[in-house]
Amino acid sequence: MVEVYRLTKRHLDGAKSESALLNQIKIFSTCVGHGVGTIDFSEKVLEIPPAEFEAILQNGGEYLRFKLGNLSRYFEVEVFPEHAAKLLPEMMECPFKKVLEELKEGYLVLRKDFKHA
């Protein structure tokens, strides 16, 4: 099973930046705990059965197979809005595509769930 988590809450100390890229870096750094501790900011928004995830990979373009295919190697993959913009044109119609279409800020994390593999 592949679990999809979406960032749902932010806690950022300090001033806001006018740079969207800088804000993304702050969000990511805070959430993964780079020097600030580990904080849970996400909720599970989707579970993708293994057969469906394999179909997504097989029917996708080169970038999609590279980006999402890394899940089998690293067991966790982050997807930011700029990744979603590249993935959407290559993706078949499925519930995960709808989740990607809604990703305007923050990020998603795909995790391999070995308990329900």
PDB file of N, CA and C in Angstrom:
ATOM      1  N   MET A   1       0.846  -1.176   0.000  1.00  0.00           N
ATOM      2  CA  MET A   1       0.000   0.000   0.000  1.00  0.00           C
ATOM      3  C   MET A   1       0.893   1.240   0.000  1.00  0.00           C
ATOM      4  N   VAL A   2       0.474   2.251  -0.733  1.00  0.00           N
ATOM      5  CA  VAL A   2       1.158   3.539  -0.730  1.00  0.00           C
ATOM      6  C   VAL A   2       0.243   4.538  -0.031  1.00  0.00           C
ATOM      7  N   GLU A   3       0.764   5.191   0.995  1.00  0.00           N
ATOM      8  CA  GLU A   3      -0.001   6.186   1.739  1.00  0.00           C
ATOM      9  C   GLU A   3       0.436   7.576   1.301  1.00  0.00           C
ATOM     10  N   VAL A   4      -0.534   8.457   1.110  1.00  0.00           N
ATOM     11  CA  VAL A   4      -0.259   9.828   0.690  1.00  0.00           C
ATOM     12  C   VAL A   4      -0.654  10.755   1.833  1.00  0.00           C
ATOM     13  N   TYR A   5       0.317  11.545   2.290  1.00  0.00           N
ATOM     14  CA  TYR A   5       0.106  12.502   3.371  1.00  0.00           C
ATOM     15  C   TYR A   5       0.239  13.915   2.818  1.00  0.00           C
ATOM     16  N   ARG A   6      -0.606  14.815   3.315  1.00  0.00           N
ATOM     17  CA  ARG A   6      -0.571  16.218   2.887  1.00  0.00           C
ATOM     18  C   ARG A   6      -0.272  17.097   4.096  1.00  0.00           C
ATOM     19  N   LEU A   7       0.583  18.079   3.878  1.00  0.00           N
ATOM     20  CA  LEU A   7       0.861  19.074   4.903  1.00  0.00           C
ATOM     21  C   LEU A   7      -0.433  19.823   5.204  1.00  0.00           C
ATOM     22  N   THR A   8      -0.801  19.878   6.486  1.00  0.00           N
ATOM     23  CA  THR A   8      -2.066  20.532   6.827  1.00  0.00           C
ATOM     24  C   THR A   8      -1.911  21.683   7.800  1.00  0.00           C
ATOM     25  N   LYS A   9      -0.783  21.758   8.493  1.00  0.00           N
ATOM     26  CA  LYS A   9      -0.603  22.795   9.491  1.00  0.00           C
ATOM     27  C   LYS A   9       0.834  23.279   9.449  1.00  0.00           C
ATOM     28  N   ARG A  10       1.016  24.559   9.654  1.00  0.00           N
ATOM     29  CA  ARG A  10       2.346  25.153   9.647  1.00  0.00           C
ATOM     30  C   ARG A  10       2.583  25.910  10.937  1.00  0.00           C
ATOM     31  N   HIS A  11       3.808  25.828  11.405  1.00  0.00           N
ATOM     32  CA  HIS A  11       4.237  26.675  12.517  1.00  0.00           C
ATOM     33  C   HIS A  11       5.604  27.206  12.155  1.00  0.00           C
ATOM     34  N   LEU A  12       5.664  28.474  11.780  1.00  0.00           N
ATOM     35  CA  LEU A  12       6.918  29.083  11.378  1.00  0.00           C
ATOM     36  C   LEU A  12       7.215  30.263  12.277  1.00  0.00           C
ATOM     37  N   ASP A  13       8.388  30.263  12.853  1.00  0.00           N
ATOM     38  CA  ASP A  13       8.830  31.407  13.630  1.00  0.00           C
ATOM     39  C   ASP A  13       9.554  32.371  12.704  1.00  0.00           C
ATOM     40  N   GLY A  14       9.479  33.634  13.011  1.00  0.00           N
ATOM     41  CA  GLY A  14      10.201  34.616  12.213  1.00  0.00           C
ATOM     42  C   GLY A  14       9.307  35.310  11.214  1.00  0.00           C
ATOM     43  N   ALA A  15       9.904  36.225  10.512  1.00  0.00           N
ATOM     44  CA  ALA A  15       9.171  37.051   9.558  1.00  0.00           C
ATOM     45  C   ALA A  15       8.879  36.281   8.279  1.00  0.00           C
ATOM     46  N   LYS A  16       7.782  36.625   7.667  1.00  0.00           N
ATOM     47  CA  LYS A  16       7.440  36.058   6.367  1.00  0.00           C
ATOM     48  C   LYS A  16       8.323  36.690   5.298  1.00  0.00           C
ATOM     49  N   SER A  17       8.638  35.898   4.317  1.00  0.00           N
ATOM     50  CA  SER A  17       9.430  36.370   3.198  1.00  0.00           C
ATOM     51  C   SER A  17       8.511  36.603   2.005  1.00  0.00           C
ATOM     52  N   GLU A  18       8.910  37.494   1.123  1.00  0.00           N
ATOM     53  CA  GLU A  18       8.157  37.718  -0.111  1.00  0.00           C
ATOM     54  C   GLU A  18       8.428  36.603  -1.115  1.00  0.00           C
ATOM     55  N   SER A  19       9.462  35.808  -0.875  1.00  0.00           N
ATOM     56  CA  SER A  19       9.850  34.745  -1.795  1.00  0.00           C
ATOM     57  C   SER A  19       9.086  33.463  -1.478  1.00  0.00           C
ATOM     58  N   ALA A  20       8.312  32.967  -2.440  1.00  0.00           N
ATOM     59  CA  ALA A  20       7.577  31.717  -2.250  1.00  0.00           C
ATOM     60  C   ALA A  20       8.537  30.550  -2.061  1.00  0.00           C
ATOM     61  N   LEU A  21       9.662  30.586  -2.785  1.00  0.00           N
ATOM     62  CA  LEU A  21      10.660  29.524  -2.659  1.00  0.00           C
ATOM     63  C   LEU A  21      11.248  29.484  -1.251  1.00  0.00           C
ATOM     64  N   LEU A  22      11.584  30.647  -0.702  1.00  0.00           N
ATOM     65  CA  LEU A  22      12.124  30.712   0.652  1.00  0.00           C
ATOM     66  C   LEU A  22      11.100  30.212   1.669  1.00  0.00           C
ATOM     67  N   ASN A  23       9.843  30.573   1.489  1.00  0.00           N
ATOM     68  CA  ASN A  23       8.795  30.088   2.389  1.00  0.00           C
ATOM     69  C   ASN A  23       8.657  28.568   2.309  1.00  0.00           C
ATOM     70  N   GLN A  24       8.776  27.991   1.094  1.00  0.00           N
ATOM     71  CA  GLN A  24       8.714  26.537   0.941  1.00  0.00           C
ATOM     72  C   GLN A  24       9.862  25.872   1.694  1.00  0.00           C
ATOM     73  N   ILE A  25      11.052  26.455   1.608  1.00  0.00           N
ATOM     74  CA  ILE A  25      12.213  25.904   2.314  1.00  0.00           C
ATOM     75  C   ILE A  25      11.985  25.952   3.821  1.00  0.00           C
ATOM     76  N   LYS A  26      11.434  27.066   4.313  1.00  0.00           N
ATOM     77  CA  LYS A  26      11.143  27.173   5.749  1.00  0.00           C
ATOM     78  C   LYS A  26      10.129  26.121   6.180  1.00  0.00           C
ATOM     79  N   ILE A  27       9.076  25.952   5.408  1.00  0.00           N
ATOM     80  CA  ILE A  27       8.040  24.970   5.730  1.00  0.00           C
ATOM     81  C   ILE A  27       8.641  23.575   5.783  1.00  0.00           C
ATOM     82  N   PHE A  28       9.385  23.209   4.751  1.00  0.00           N
ATOM     83  CA  PHE A  28       9.969  21.879   4.685  1.00  0.00           C
ATOM     84  C   PHE A  28      10.939  21.657   5.830  1.00  0.00           C
ATOM     85  N   SER A  29      11.796  22.635   6.108  1.00  0.00           N
ATOM     86  CA  SER A  29      12.782  22.501   7.179  1.00  0.00           C
ATOM     87  C   SER A  29      12.118  22.347   8.538  1.00  0.00           C
ATOM     88  N   THR A  30      11.069  23.100   8.777  1.00  0.00           N
ATOM     89  CA  THR A  30      10.357  22.996  10.051  1.00  0.00           C
ATOM     90  C   THR A  30       9.714  21.622  10.189  1.00  0.00           C
ATOM     91  N   CYS A  31       9.079  21.146   9.120  1.00  0.00           N
ATOM     92  CA  CYS A  31       8.345  19.884   9.198  1.00  0.00           C
ATOM     93  C   CYS A  31       9.246  18.670   9.358  1.00  0.00           C
ATOM     94  N   VAL A  32      10.407  18.668   8.734  1.00  0.00           N
ATOM     95  CA  VAL A  32      11.286  17.509   8.874  1.00  0.00           C
ATOM     96  C   VAL A  32      12.185  17.629  10.074  1.00  0.00           C
ATOM     97  N   GLY A  33      12.140  18.759  10.762  1.00  0.00           N
ATOM     98  CA  GLY A  33      12.844  18.881  12.027  1.00  0.00           C
ATOM     99  C   GLY A  33      14.316  19.201  11.922  1.00  0.00           C
ATOM    100  N   HIS A  34      14.721  19.947  10.921  1.00  0.00           N
ATOM    101  CA  HIS A  34      16.123  20.337  10.800  1.00  0.00           C
ATOM    102  C   HIS A  34      16.477  21.320  11.902  1.00  0.00           C
ATOM    103  N   GLY A  35      16.902  20.796  13.043  1.00  0.00           N
ATOM    104  CA  GLY A  35      17.340  21.650  14.140  1.00  0.00           C
ATOM    105  C   GLY A  35      16.229  22.203  14.999  1.00  0.00           C
ATOM    106  N   VAL A  36      14.974  21.863  14.712  1.00  0.00           N
ATOM    107  CA  VAL A  36      13.871  22.407  15.503  1.00  0.00           C
ATOM    108  C   VAL A  36      13.007  21.317  16.131  1.00  0.00           C
ATOM    109  N   GLY A  37      13.377  20.069  15.983  1.00  0.00           N
ATOM    110  CA  GLY A  37      12.572  18.968  16.521  1.00  0.00           C
ATOM    111  C   GLY A  37      11.585  18.466  15.487  1.00  0.00           C
ATOM    112  N   THR A  38      11.051  17.297  15.709  1.00  0.00           N
ATOM    113  CA  THR A  38      10.110  16.700  14.773  1.00  0.00           C
ATOM    114  C   THR A  38       8.689  17.065  15.171  1.00  0.00           C
ATOM    115  N   ILE A  39       7.950  17.619  14.221  1.00  0.00           N
ATOM    116  CA  ILE A  39       6.576  18.046  14.461  1.00  0.00           C
ATOM    117  C   ILE A  39       5.695  17.399  13.398  1.00  0.00           C
ATOM    118  N   ASP A  40       4.565  16.845  13.778  1.00  0.00           N
ATOM    119  CA  ASP A  40       3.668  16.208  12.828  1.00  0.00           C
ATOM    120  C   ASP A  40       2.707  17.250  12.268  1.00  0.00           C
ATOM    121  N   PHE A  41       2.840  17.554  11.000  1.00  0.00           N
ATOM    122  CA  PHE A  41       2.014  18.564  10.343  1.00  0.00           C
ATOM    123  C   PHE A  41       1.106  17.960   9.279  1.00  0.00           C
ATOM    124  N   SER A  42       1.082  16.651   9.141  1.00  0.00           N
ATOM    125  CA  SER A  42       0.411  16.072   7.989  1.00  0.00           C
ATOM    126  C   SER A  42      -0.735  15.150   8.383  1.00  0.00           C
ATOM    127  N   GLU A  43      -1.591  14.883   7.394  1.00  0.00           N
ATOM    128  CA  GLU A  43      -2.674  13.923   7.564  1.00  0.00           C
ATOM    129  C   GLU A  43      -2.719  13.034   6.329  1.00  0.00           C
ATOM    130  N   LYS A  44      -3.117  11.804   6.551  1.00  0.00           N
ATOM    131  CA  LYS A  44      -3.242  10.877   5.424  1.00  0.00           C
ATOM    132  C   LYS A  44      -4.468  11.278   4.618  1.00  0.00           C
ATOM    133  N   VAL A  45      -4.280  11.475   3.316  1.00  0.00           N
ATOM    134  CA  VAL A  45      -5.394  11.887   2.464  1.00  0.00           C
ATOM    135  C   VAL A  45      -5.786  10.816   1.457  1.00  0.00           C
ATOM    136  N   LEU A  46      -4.917   9.781   1.302  1.00  0.00           N
ATOM    137  CA  LEU A  46      -5.216   8.765   0.298  1.00  0.00           C
ATOM    138  C   LEU A  46      -4.377   7.529   0.551  1.00  0.00           C
ATOM    139  N   GLU A  47      -4.946   6.369   0.249  1.00  0.00           N
ATOM    140  CA  GLU A  47      -4.207   5.109   0.204  1.00  0.00           C
ATOM    141  C   GLU A  47      -4.329   4.573  -1.212  1.00  0.00           C
ATOM    142  N   ILE A  48      -3.200   4.208  -1.787  1.00  0.00           N
ATOM    143  CA  ILE A  48      -3.187   3.694  -3.155  1.00  0.00           C
ATOM    144  C   ILE A  48      -2.788   2.218  -3.095  1.00  0.00           C
ATOM    145  N   PRO A  49      -3.666   1.322  -3.540  1.00  0.00           N
ATOM    146  CA  PRO A  49      -3.314  -0.104  -3.558  1.00  0.00           C
ATOM    147  C   PRO A  49      -2.110  -0.344  -4.482  1.00  0.00           C
ATOM    148  N   PRO A  50      -1.300  -1.350  -4.186  1.00  0.00           N
ATOM    149  CA  PRO A  50      -0.100  -1.617  -4.992  1.00  0.00           C
ATOM    150  C   PRO A  50      -0.380  -1.763  -6.486  1.00  0.00           C
ATOM    151  N   ALA A  51      -1.445  -2.451  -6.851  1.00  0.00           N
ATOM    152  CA  ALA A  51      -1.757  -2.637  -8.278  1.00  0.00           C
ATOM    153  C   ALA A  51      -2.073  -1.307  -8.957  1.00  0.00           C
ATOM    154  N   GLU A  52      -2.792  -0.430  -8.270  1.00  0.00           N
ATOM    155  CA  GLU A  52      -3.121   0.880  -8.841  1.00  0.00           C
ATOM    156  C   GLU A  52      -1.874   1.744  -8.972  1.00  0.00           C
ATOM    157  N   PHE A  53      -0.993   1.694  -7.958  1.00  0.00           N
ATOM    158  CA  PHE A  53       0.246   2.474  -8.026  1.00  0.00           C
ATOM    159  C   PHE A  53       1.111   1.980  -9.188  1.00  0.00           C
ATOM    160  N   GLU A  54       1.165   0.681  -9.374  1.00  0.00           N
ATOM    161  CA  GLU A  54       1.933   0.112 -10.494  1.00  0.00           C
ATOM    162  C   GLU A  54       1.344   0.555 -11.829  1.00  0.00           C
ATOM    163  N   ALA A  55       0.023   0.623 -11.929  1.00  0.00           N
ATOM    164  CA  ALA A  55      -0.633   1.092 -13.158  1.00  0.00           C
ATOM    165  C   ALA A  55      -0.301   2.558 -13.418  1.00  0.00           C
ATOM    166  N   ILE A  56      -0.256   3.367 -12.360  1.00  0.00           N
ATOM    167  CA  ILE A  56       0.117   4.778 -12.504  1.00  0.00           C
ATOM    168  C   ILE A  56       1.520   4.877 -13.084  1.00  0.00           C
ATOM    169  N   LEU A  57       2.445   4.074 -12.546  1.00  0.00           N
ATOM    170  CA  LEU A  57       3.826   4.092 -13.048  1.00  0.00           C
ATOM    171  C   LEU A  57       3.908   3.618 -14.494  1.00  0.00           C
ATOM    172  N   GLN A  58       3.244   2.518 -14.797  1.00  0.00           N
ATOM    173  CA  GLN A  58       3.323   1.931 -16.138  1.00  0.00           C
ATOM    174  C   GLN A  58       2.700   2.821 -17.209  1.00  0.00           C
ATOM    175  N   ASN A  59       1.677   3.578 -16.844  1.00  0.00           N
ATOM    176  CA  ASN A  59       0.977   4.417 -17.820  1.00  0.00           C
ATOM    177  C   ASN A  59       1.471   5.857 -17.825  1.00  0.00           C
ATOM    178  N   GLY A  60       2.504   6.155 -17.040  1.00  0.00           N
ATOM    179  CA  GLY A  60       3.007   7.523 -16.944  1.00  0.00           C
ATOM    180  C   GLY A  60       4.190   7.769 -17.856  1.00  0.00           C
ATOM    181  N   GLY A  61       4.538   9.042 -17.950  1.00  0.00           N
ATOM    182  CA  GLY A  61       5.683   9.442 -18.750  1.00  0.00           C
ATOM    183  C   GLY A  61       7.000   9.231 -18.010  1.00  0.00           C
ATOM    184  N   GLU A  62       8.076   9.639 -18.650  1.00  0.00           N
ATOM    185  CA  GLU A  62       9.417   9.418 -18.110  1.00  0.00           C
ATOM    186  C   GLU A  62       9.627  10.102 -16.757  1.00  0.00           C
ATOM    187  N   TYR A  63       9.221  11.375 -16.635  1.00  0.00           N
ATOM    188  CA  TYR A  63       9.411  12.078 -15.366  1.00  0.00           C
ATOM    189  C   TYR A  63       8.604  11.420 -14.252  1.00  0.00           C
ATOM    190  N   LEU A  64       7.368  11.032 -14.536  1.00  0.00           N
ATOM    191  CA  LEU A  64       6.519  10.380 -13.537  1.00  0.00           C
ATOM    192  C   LEU A  64       7.156   9.077 -13.064  1.00  0.00           C
ATOM    193  N   ARG A  65       7.636   8.264 -13.991  1.00  0.00           N
ATOM    194  CA  ARG A  65       8.259   6.992 -13.604  1.00  0.00           C
ATOM    195  C   ARG A  65       9.507   7.229 -12.765  1.00  0.00           C
ATOM    196  N   PHE A  66      10.263   8.282 -13.077  1.00  0.00           N
ATOM    197  CA  PHE A  66      11.459   8.605 -12.297  1.00  0.00           C
ATOM    198  C   PHE A  66      11.077   9.088 -10.899  1.00  0.00           C
ATOM    199  N   LYS A  67      10.216  10.090 -10.822  1.00  0.00           N
ATOM    200  CA  LYS A  67       9.875  10.713  -9.534  1.00  0.00           C
ATOM    201  C   LYS A  67       9.151   9.740  -8.610  1.00  0.00           C
ATOM    202  N   LEU A  68       8.077   9.147  -9.079  1.00  0.00           N
ATOM    203  CA  LEU A  68       7.296   8.252  -8.233  1.00  0.00           C
ATOM    204  C   LEU A  68       7.923   6.871  -8.117  1.00  0.00           C
ATOM    205  N   GLY A  69       8.671   6.473  -9.120  1.00  0.00           N
ATOM    206  CA  GLY A  69       9.353   5.176  -9.083  1.00  0.00           C
ATOM    207  C   GLY A  69      10.411   5.102  -8.000  1.00  0.00           C
ATOM    208  N   ASN A  70      10.918   6.265  -7.572  1.00  0.00           N
ATOM    209  CA  ASN A  70      11.899   6.289  -6.488  1.00  0.00           C
ATOM    210  C   ASN A  70      11.317   5.802  -5.163  1.00  0.00           C
ATOM    211  N   LEU A  71      10.005   5.676  -5.083  1.00  0.00           N
ATOM    212  CA  LEU A  71       9.376   5.179  -3.863  1.00  0.00           C
ATOM    213  C   LEU A  71       9.859   3.761  -3.536  1.00  0.00           C
ATOM    214  N   SER A  72      10.068   2.950  -4.554  1.00  0.00           N
ATOM    215  CA  SER A  72      10.530   1.584  -4.302  1.00  0.00           C
ATOM    216  C   SER A  72      11.972   1.550  -3.813  1.00  0.00           C
ATOM    217  N   ARG A  73      12.706   2.617  -4.064  1.00  0.00           N
ATOM    218  CA  ARG A  73      14.104   2.684  -3.632  1.00  0.00           C
ATOM    219  C   ARG A  73      14.270   3.349  -2.266  1.00  0.00           C
ATOM    220  N   TYR A  74      13.551   4.440  -2.042  1.00  0.00           N
ATOM    221  CA  TYR A  74      13.718   5.233  -0.824  1.00  0.00           C
ATOM    222  C   TYR A  74      12.573   5.073   0.175  1.00  0.00           C
ATOM    223  N   PHE A  75      11.452   4.474  -0.230  1.00  0.00           N
ATOM    224  CA  PHE A  75      10.286   4.209   0.606  1.00  0.00           C
ATOM    225  C   PHE A  75       9.550   5.460   1.052  1.00  0.00           C
ATOM    226  N   GLU A  76      10.002   6.636   0.614  1.00  0.00           N
ATOM    227  CA  GLU A  76       9.318   7.894   0.893  1.00  0.00           C
ATOM    228  C   GLU A  76       9.724   8.902  -0.173  1.00  0.00           C
ATOM    229  N   VAL A  77       8.747   9.605  -0.720  1.00  0.00           N
ATOM    230  CA  VAL A  77       8.997  10.599  -1.765  1.00  0.00           C
ATOM    231  C   VAL A  77       8.186  11.844  -1.460  1.00  0.00           C
ATOM    232  N   GLU A  78       8.819  13.017  -1.535  1.00  0.00           N
ATOM    233  CA  GLU A  78       8.112  14.289  -1.368  1.00  0.00           C
ATOM    234  C   GLU A  78       7.709  14.825  -2.731  1.00  0.00           C
ATOM    235  N   VAL A  79       6.522  15.406  -2.783  1.00  0.00           N
ATOM    236  CA  VAL A  79       6.021  16.012  -4.019  1.00  0.00           C
ATOM    237  C   VAL A  79       5.605  17.443  -3.692  1.00  0.00           C
ATOM    238  N   PHE A  80       6.301  18.404  -4.285  1.00  0.00           N
ATOM    239  CA  PHE A  80       6.014  19.829  -4.124  1.00  0.00           C
ATOM    240  C   PHE A  80       5.172  20.303  -5.306  1.00  0.00           C
ATOM    241  N   PRO A  81       4.572  21.490  -5.219  1.00  0.00           N
ATOM    242  CA  PRO A  81       3.745  21.978  -6.326  1.00  0.00           C
ATOM    243  C   PRO A  81       4.457  21.984  -7.680  1.00  0.00           C
ATOM    244  N   GLU A  82       5.748  22.306  -7.696  1.00  0.00           N
ATOM    245  CA  GLU A  82       6.462  22.305  -8.978  1.00  0.00           C
ATOM    246  C   GLU A  82       6.604  20.892  -9.540  1.00  0.00           C
ATOM    247  N   HIS A  83       6.685  19.884  -8.677  1.00  0.00           N
ATOM    248  CA  HIS A  83       6.709  18.497  -9.143  1.00  0.00           C
ATOM    249  C   HIS A  83       5.332  18.107  -9.678  1.00  0.00           C
ATOM    250  N   ALA A  84       4.284  18.499  -8.940  1.00  0.00           N
ATOM    251  CA  ALA A  84       2.915  18.174  -9.349  1.00  0.00           C
ATOM    252  C   ALA A  84       2.617  18.727 -10.745  1.00  0.00           C
ATOM    253  N   ALA A  85       3.107  19.934 -11.032  1.00  0.00           N
ATOM    254  CA  ALA A  85       2.882  20.544 -12.347  1.00  0.00           C
ATOM    255  C   ALA A  85       3.493  19.700 -13.462  1.00  0.00           C
ATOM    256  N   LYS A  86       4.609  19.045 -13.188  1.00  0.00           N
ATOM    257  CA  LYS A  86       5.246  18.176 -14.186  1.00  0.00           C
ATOM    258  C   LYS A  86       4.587  16.798 -14.244  1.00  0.00           C
ATOM    259  N   LEU A  87       4.072  16.329 -13.113  1.00  0.00           N
ATOM    260  CA  LEU A  87       3.474  14.993 -13.051  1.00  0.00           C
ATOM    261  C   LEU A  87       2.082  14.942 -13.686  1.00  0.00           C
ATOM    262  N   LEU A  88       1.298  15.986 -13.500  1.00  0.00           N
ATOM    263  CA  LEU A  88      -0.104  15.961 -13.938  1.00  0.00           C
ATOM    264  C   LEU A  88      -0.293  15.644 -15.423  1.00  0.00           C
ATOM    265  N   PRO A  89       0.464  16.265 -16.337  1.00  0.00           N
ATOM    266  CA  PRO A  89       0.240  15.945 -17.751  1.00  0.00           C
ATOM    267  C   PRO A  89       0.591  14.499 -18.105  1.00  0.00           C
ATOM    268  N   GLU A  90       1.402  13.843 -17.284  1.00  0.00           N
ATOM    269  CA  GLU A  90       1.846  12.477 -17.573  1.00  0.00           C
ATOM    270  C   GLU A  90       1.018  11.420 -16.848  1.00  0.00           C
ATOM    271  N   MET A  91       0.048  11.840 -16.028  1.00  0.00           N
ATOM    272  CA  MET A  91      -0.640  10.898 -15.161  1.00  0.00           C
ATOM    273  C   MET A  91      -2.010  10.512 -15.690  1.00  0.00           C
ATOM    274  N   MET A  92      -2.309   9.224 -15.561  1.00  0.00           N
ATOM    275  CA  MET A  92      -3.640   8.723 -15.930  1.00  0.00           C
ATOM    276  C   MET A  92      -4.677   9.248 -14.936  1.00  0.00           C
ATOM    277  N   GLU A  93      -5.937   9.158 -15.302  1.00  0.00           N
ATOM    278  CA  GLU A  93      -7.008   9.569 -14.401  1.00  0.00           C
ATOM    279  C   GLU A  93      -7.080   8.591 -13.229  1.00  0.00           C
ATOM    280  N   CYS A  94      -7.013   9.131 -12.006  1.00  0.00           N
ATOM    281  CA  CYS A  94      -7.079   8.311 -10.797  1.00  0.00           C
ATOM    282  C   CYS A  94      -7.265   9.249  -9.604  1.00  0.00           C
ATOM    283  N   PRO A  95      -7.605   8.715  -8.435  1.00  0.00           N
ATOM    284  CA  PRO A  95      -7.783   9.569  -7.256  1.00  0.00           C
ATOM    285  C   PRO A  95      -6.518  10.369  -6.894  1.00  0.00           C
ATOM    286  N   PHE A  96      -5.341   9.790  -7.116  1.00  0.00           N
ATOM    287  CA  PHE A  96      -4.105  10.502  -6.791  1.00  0.00           C
ATOM    288  C   PHE A  96      -3.931  11.740  -7.670  1.00  0.00           C
ATOM    289  N   LYS A  97      -4.379  11.668  -8.907  1.00  0.00           N
ATOM    290  CA  LYS A  97      -4.295  12.832  -9.797  1.00  0.00           C
ATOM    291  C   LYS A  97      -5.119  13.984  -9.238  1.00  0.00           C
ATOM    292  N   LYS A  98      -6.269  13.685  -8.657  1.00  0.00           N
ATOM    293  CA  LYS A  98      -7.112  14.733  -8.071  1.00  0.00           C
ATOM    294  C   LYS A  98      -6.412  15.378  -6.871  1.00  0.00           C
ATOM    295  N   VAL A  99      -5.713  14.577  -6.075  1.00  0.00           N
ATOM    296  CA  VAL A  99      -4.957  15.117  -4.935  1.00  0.00           C
ATOM    297  C   VAL A  99      -3.852  16.041  -5.447  1.00  0.00           C
ATOM    298  N   LEU A 100      -3.166  15.638  -6.507  1.00  0.00           N
ATOM    299  CA  LEU A 100      -2.103  16.474  -7.088  1.00  0.00           C
ATOM    300  C   LEU A 100      -2.662  17.788  -7.636  1.00  0.00           C
ATOM    301  N   GLU A 101      -3.832  17.735  -8.248  1.00  0.00           N
ATOM    302  CA  GLU A 101      -4.441  18.951  -8.805  1.00  0.00           C
ATOM    303  C   GLU A 101      -4.739  19.976  -7.718  1.00  0.00           C
ATOM    304  N   GLU A 102      -4.995  19.527  -6.507  1.00  0.00           N
ATOM    305  CA  GLU A 102      -5.314  20.429  -5.397  1.00  0.00           C
ATOM    306  C   GLU A 102      -4.067  20.977  -4.698  1.00  0.00           C
ATOM    307  N   LEU A 103      -2.883  20.474  -5.047  1.00  0.00           N
ATOM    308  CA  LEU A 103      -1.647  20.878  -4.378  1.00  0.00           C
ATOM    309  C   LEU A 103      -1.170  22.226  -4.930  1.00  0.00           C
ATOM    310  N   LYS A 104      -1.450  23.289  -4.204  1.00  0.00           N
ATOM    311  CA  LYS A 104      -1.047  24.641  -4.611  1.00  0.00           C
ATOM    312  C   LYS A 104       0.079  25.178  -3.739  1.00  0.00           C
ATOM    313  N   GLU A 105       0.187  24.689  -2.499  1.00  0.00           N
ATOM    314  CA  GLU A 105       1.261  25.083  -1.594  1.00  0.00           C
ATOM    315  C   GLU A 105       1.540  23.921  -0.651  1.00  0.00           C
ATOM    316  N   GLY A 106       2.640  24.005   0.073  1.00  0.00           N
ATOM    317  CA  GLY A 106       3.015  22.906   0.943  1.00  0.00           C
ATOM    318  C   GLY A 106       3.563  21.761   0.119  1.00  0.00           C
ATOM    319  N   TYR A 107       3.324  20.549   0.568  1.00  0.00           N
ATOM    320  CA  TYR A 107       3.815  19.386  -0.158  1.00  0.00           C
ATOM    321  C   TYR A 107       3.086  18.129   0.277  1.00  0.00           C
ATOM    322  N   LEU A 108       3.264  17.070  -0.517  1.00  0.00           N
ATOM    323  CA  LEU A 108       2.749  15.746  -0.210  1.00  0.00           C
ATOM    324  C   LEU A 108       3.923  14.830   0.096  1.00  0.00           C
ATOM    325  N   VAL A 109       3.671  13.804   0.892  1.00  0.00           N
ATOM    326  CA  VAL A 109       4.662  12.759   1.125  1.00  0.00           C
ATOM    327  C   VAL A 109       4.001  11.440   0.779  1.00  0.00           C
ATOM    328  N   LEU A 110       4.644  10.670  -0.101  1.00  0.00           N
ATOM    329  CA  LEU A 110       4.188   9.316  -0.398  1.00  0.00           C
ATOM    330  C   LEU A 110       5.062   8.363   0.384  1.00  0.00           C
ATOM    331  N   ARG A 111       4.436   7.439   1.116  1.00  0.00           N
ATOM    332  CA  ARG A 111       5.181   6.465   1.923  1.00  0.00           C
ATOM    333  C   ARG A 111       4.727   5.067   1.589  1.00  0.00           C
ATOM    334  N   LYS A 112       5.688   4.183   1.511  1.00  0.00           N
ATOM    335  CA  LYS A 112       5.403   2.765   1.312  1.00  0.00           C
ATOM    336  C   LYS A 112       4.983   2.184   2.655  1.00  0.00           C
ATOM    337  N   ASP A 113       3.797   1.593   2.718  1.00  0.00           N
ATOM    338  CA  ASP A 113       3.296   0.984   3.949  1.00  0.00           C
ATOM    339  C   ASP A 113       3.513  -0.519   3.837  1.00  0.00           C
ATOM    340  N   PHE A 114       4.455  -1.033   4.621  1.00  0.00           N
ATOM    341  CA  PHE A 114       4.797  -2.442   4.545  1.00  0.00           C
ATOM    342  C   PHE A 114       3.831  -3.325   5.329  1.00  0.00           C
ATOM    343  N   LYS A 115       3.047  -2.744   6.236  1.00  0.00           N
ATOM    344  CA  LYS A 115       2.085  -3.524   7.016  1.00  0.00           C
ATOM    345  C   LYS A 115       0.951  -4.034   6.146  1.00  0.00           C
ATOM    346  N   HIS A 116       0.603  -3.258   5.116  1.00  0.00           N
ATOM    347  CA  HIS A 116      -0.516  -3.618   4.233  1.00  0.00           C
ATOM    348  C   HIS A 116      -0.036  -3.794   2.795  1.00  0.00           C
ATOM    349  N   ALA A 117       1.126  -4.320   2.627  1.00  0.00           N
ATOM    350  CA  ALA A 117       1.709  -4.450   1.271  1.00  0.00           C
ATOM    351  C   ALA A 117       0.989  -5.461   0.428  1.00  0.00           C
TER     352      ALA A 117
END
